[in-house]
Amino acid sequence: MQVNIALLTVTDTRTIDTDKSGAILVEKIKEQNHKLVDRKIVKDEKDKIKKIILDWTKKSDLDVI
């Protein structure tokens, strides 16, 4: 069974290019034949984190955040 996943990294210092843990998770998602639907990096700010998660919860094509 394929699972649709959204990946959020919370950091004040990393970018997509320097997010090593996020890159490892992306690879593991692919290895297990799941689908990465969205990936975001956000600064450690409550309102920004909350907005992304709330937006994702409204998507019918996501199984895991």
C-alpha atoms as a PDB file:
ATOM      1  CA  MET A   1       0.000   0.000   0.000  1.00  0.00           C
ATOM      2  CA  GLN A   2       1.355   3.394  -0.973  1.00  0.00           C
ATOM      3  CA  VAL A   3       1.132   6.161   1.634  1.00  0.00           C
ATOM      4  CA  ASN A   4       1.028   9.846   0.681  1.00  0.00           C
ATOM      5  CA  ILE A   5       3.331  11.838   2.952  1.00  0.00           C
ATOM      6  CA  ALA A   6       4.027  15.507   3.684  1.00  0.00           C
ATOM      7  CA  LEU A   7       7.357  16.266   5.345  1.00  0.00           C
ATOM      8  CA  LEU A   8       7.950  19.362   7.459  1.00  0.00           C
ATOM      9  CA  THR A   9      11.345  20.369   8.806  1.00  0.00           C
ATOM     10  CA  VAL A  10      11.342  23.037  11.512  1.00  0.00           C
ATOM     11  CA  THR A  11      14.655  24.901  11.630  1.00  0.00           C
ATOM     12  CA  ASP A  12      16.120  28.364  11.748  1.00  0.00           C
ATOM     13  CA  THR A  13      19.303  27.385   9.918  1.00  0.00           C
ATOM     14  CA  ARG A  14      18.651  24.710   7.285  1.00  0.00           C
ATOM     15  CA  THR A  15      17.541  24.904   3.667  1.00  0.00           C
ATOM     16  CA  ILE A  16      16.387  22.135   1.330  1.00  0.00           C
ATOM     17  CA  ASP A  17      20.028  21.747   0.260  1.00  0.00           C
ATOM     18  CA  THR A  18      21.394  21.496   3.815  1.00  0.00           C
ATOM     19  CA  ASP A  19      18.555  19.584   5.517  1.00  0.00           C
ATOM     20  CA  LYS A  20      20.356  16.266   6.013  1.00  0.00           C
ATOM     21  CA  SER A  21      17.683  14.608   8.160  1.00  0.00           C
ATOM     22  CA  GLY A  22      14.974  15.660   5.719  1.00  0.00           C
ATOM     23  CA  ALA A  23      16.991  14.236   2.832  1.00  0.00           C
ATOM     24  CA  ILE A  24      17.340  10.922   4.674  1.00  0.00           C
ATOM     25  CA  LEU A  25      13.582  10.796   5.263  1.00  0.00           C
ATOM     26  CA  VAL A  26      12.886  11.582   1.596  1.00  0.00           C
ATOM     27  CA  GLU A  27      15.132   8.683   0.593  1.00  0.00           C
ATOM     28  CA  LYS A  28      13.464   6.312   3.079  1.00  0.00           C
ATOM     29  CA  ILE A  29      10.018   7.336   1.796  1.00  0.00           C
ATOM     30  CA  LYS A  30      11.087   6.510  -1.769  1.00  0.00           C
ATOM     31  CA  GLU A  31      12.736   3.224  -0.737  1.00  0.00           C
ATOM     32  CA  GLN A  32       9.449   2.063   0.770  1.00  0.00           C
ATOM     33  CA  ASN A  33       7.546   3.031  -2.414  1.00  0.00           C
ATOM     34  CA  HIS A  34       5.549   5.738  -0.699  1.00  0.00           C
ATOM     35  CA  LYS A  35       4.799   9.102  -2.260  1.00  0.00           C
ATOM     36  CA  LEU A  36       6.178  12.416  -0.995  1.00  0.00           C
ATOM     37  CA  VAL A  37       3.314  14.790  -1.768  1.00  0.00           C
ATOM     38  CA  ASP A  38       4.849  17.900  -0.204  1.00  0.00           C
ATOM     39  CA  ARG A  39       7.993  18.969   1.621  1.00  0.00           C
ATOM     40  CA  LYS A  40       8.512  22.249   3.389  1.00  0.00           C
ATOM     41  CA  ILE A  41      11.073  23.885   5.631  1.00  0.00           C
ATOM     42  CA  VAL A  42       9.831  26.488   8.082  1.00  0.00           C
ATOM     43  CA  LYS A  43      11.447  28.639  10.744  1.00  0.00           C
ATOM     44  CA  ASP A  44      10.682  27.789  14.351  1.00  0.00           C
ATOM     45  CA  GLU A  45       7.695  30.142  14.565  1.00  0.00           C
ATOM     46  CA  LYS A  46       4.440  28.792  15.949  1.00  0.00           C
ATOM     47  CA  ASP A  47       2.102  30.643  13.561  1.00  0.00           C
ATOM     48  CA  LYS A  48       4.009  29.572  10.442  1.00  0.00           C
ATOM     49  CA  ILE A  49       4.158  25.940  11.581  1.00  0.00           C
ATOM     50  CA  LYS A  50       0.463  25.973  12.450  1.00  0.00           C
ATOM     51  CA  LYS A  51      -0.521  27.408   9.043  1.00  0.00           C
ATOM     52  CA  ILE A  52       1.355  24.730   7.112  1.00  0.00           C
ATOM     53  CA  ILE A  53      -0.084  21.900   9.196  1.00  0.00           C
ATOM     54  CA  LEU A  54      -3.618  23.286   8.983  1.00  0.00           C
ATOM     55  CA  ASP A  55      -3.276  23.645   5.200  1.00  0.00           C
ATOM     56  CA  TRP A  56      -2.065  20.059   4.953  1.00  0.00           C
ATOM     57  CA  THR A  57      -4.914  18.702   7.082  1.00  0.00           C
ATOM     58  CA  LYS A  58      -7.355  20.113   4.510  1.00  0.00           C
ATOM     59  CA  LYS A  59      -5.797  18.057   1.699  1.00  0.00           C
ATOM     60  CA  SER A  60      -7.597  14.832   0.926  1.00  0.00           C
ATOM     61  CA  ASP A  61      -4.553  13.279  -0.758  1.00  0.00           C
ATOM     62  CA  LEU A  62      -2.388  13.204   2.405  1.00  0.00           C
ATOM     63  CA  ASP A  63      -2.202  10.212   4.700  1.00  0.00           C
ATOM     64  CA  VAL A  64       0.720  11.212   6.937  1.00  0.00           C
ATOM     65  CA  ILE A  65       2.222  14.510   8.068  1.00  0.00           C
END
